[in-house]
Amino acid sequence: MDAFTIALPEEQAHRLRELARGAGVSPEQLLRAGVEEWLTRPGRDFTEAAAYVLEKNRELYRRLA
């Protein structure tokens, strides 16, 4: 497993610690979960957008076929 080090402004670091405390996890666990979500999102976003466009234009596509 690779490890990364990032620098955050004190205000963001404070907010991260608050959010982690509220979620009952460590700041590292919260960041890991956020990164995992972000890394899987692009595929989901495209799939959801494509499904929306196909459904919205279903009748138009039927008429054009």
Protein backbone atom coordinates (compact mmCIF):
# COMPACT_ATOMS: atom_id res chain seq x y z
CA MET A 1 0.00 0.00 0.00
CA ASP A 2 1.30 3.47 -0.86
CA ALA A 3 1.23 6.31 1.65
CA PHE A 4 0.75 9.96 0.75
CA THR A 5 1.40 13.05 2.82
CA ILE A 6 -0.57 16.23 2.19
CA ALA A 7 -0.39 19.67 3.73
CA LEU A 8 -3.65 21.36 4.73
CA PRO A 9 -4.18 24.90 5.91
CA GLU A 10 -4.86 24.92 9.65
CA GLU A 11 -8.52 25.84 9.15
CA GLN A 12 -9.10 22.84 6.84
CA ALA A 13 -7.16 20.52 9.16
CA HIS A 14 -9.31 21.69 12.07
CA ARG A 15 -12.50 21.11 10.06
CA LEU A 16 -11.27 17.65 9.04
CA ARG A 17 -10.62 16.72 12.68
CA GLU A 18 -14.11 17.97 13.64
CA LEU A 19 -15.80 15.99 10.87
CA ALA A 20 -13.83 12.86 11.73
CA ARG A 21 -14.66 13.20 15.42
CA GLY A 22 -18.34 13.61 14.56
CA ALA A 23 -18.23 10.49 12.40
CA GLY A 24 -16.38 8.53 15.07
CA VAL A 25 -13.34 7.83 12.89
CA SER A 26 -9.82 9.10 12.58
CA PRO A 27 -9.02 11.93 10.14
CA GLU A 28 -7.02 9.40 8.09
CA GLN A 29 -9.99 7.04 7.85
CA LEU A 30 -12.26 9.89 6.79
CA LEU A 31 -9.79 10.99 4.11
CA ARG A 32 -9.37 7.42 2.86
CA ALA A 33 -13.13 7.01 2.54
CA GLY A 34 -13.40 10.32 0.70
CA VAL A 35 -10.63 9.42 -1.72
CA GLU A 36 -12.13 5.99 -2.37
CA GLU A 37 -15.48 7.62 -3.12
CA TRP A 38 -13.90 10.20 -5.41
CA LEU A 39 -11.94 7.56 -7.31
CA THR A 40 -15.08 5.50 -8.03
CA ARG A 41 -17.33 8.46 -8.81
CA PRO A 42 -16.31 9.28 -12.42
CA GLY A 43 -17.59 5.96 -13.76
CA ARG A 44 -20.81 6.24 -11.77
CA ASP A 45 -21.38 9.86 -12.80
CA PHE A 46 -21.05 8.97 -16.49
CA THR A 47 -23.31 5.95 -16.16
CA GLU A 48 -25.97 7.94 -14.32
CA ALA A 49 -25.78 10.81 -16.84
CA ALA A 50 -26.01 8.43 -19.79
CA ALA A 51 -29.01 6.63 -18.28
CA TYR A 52 -30.72 9.98 -17.66
CA VAL A 53 -30.16 11.17 -21.23
CA LEU A 54 -31.30 7.87 -22.72
CA GLU A 55 -34.46 7.83 -20.60
CA LYS A 56 -35.23 11.49 -21.22
CA ASN A 57 -34.87 11.11 -24.98
CA ARG A 58 -36.34 7.61 -25.32
CA GLU A 59 -39.32 8.75 -27.39
CA LEU A 60 -37.13 10.91 -29.67
CA TYR A 61 -34.76 7.99 -30.29
CA ARG A 62 -37.73 5.73 -31.03
CA ARG A 63 -39.08 8.17 -33.62
CA LEU A 64 -35.68 8.58 -35.26
CA ALA A 65 -35.11 4.83 -35.55
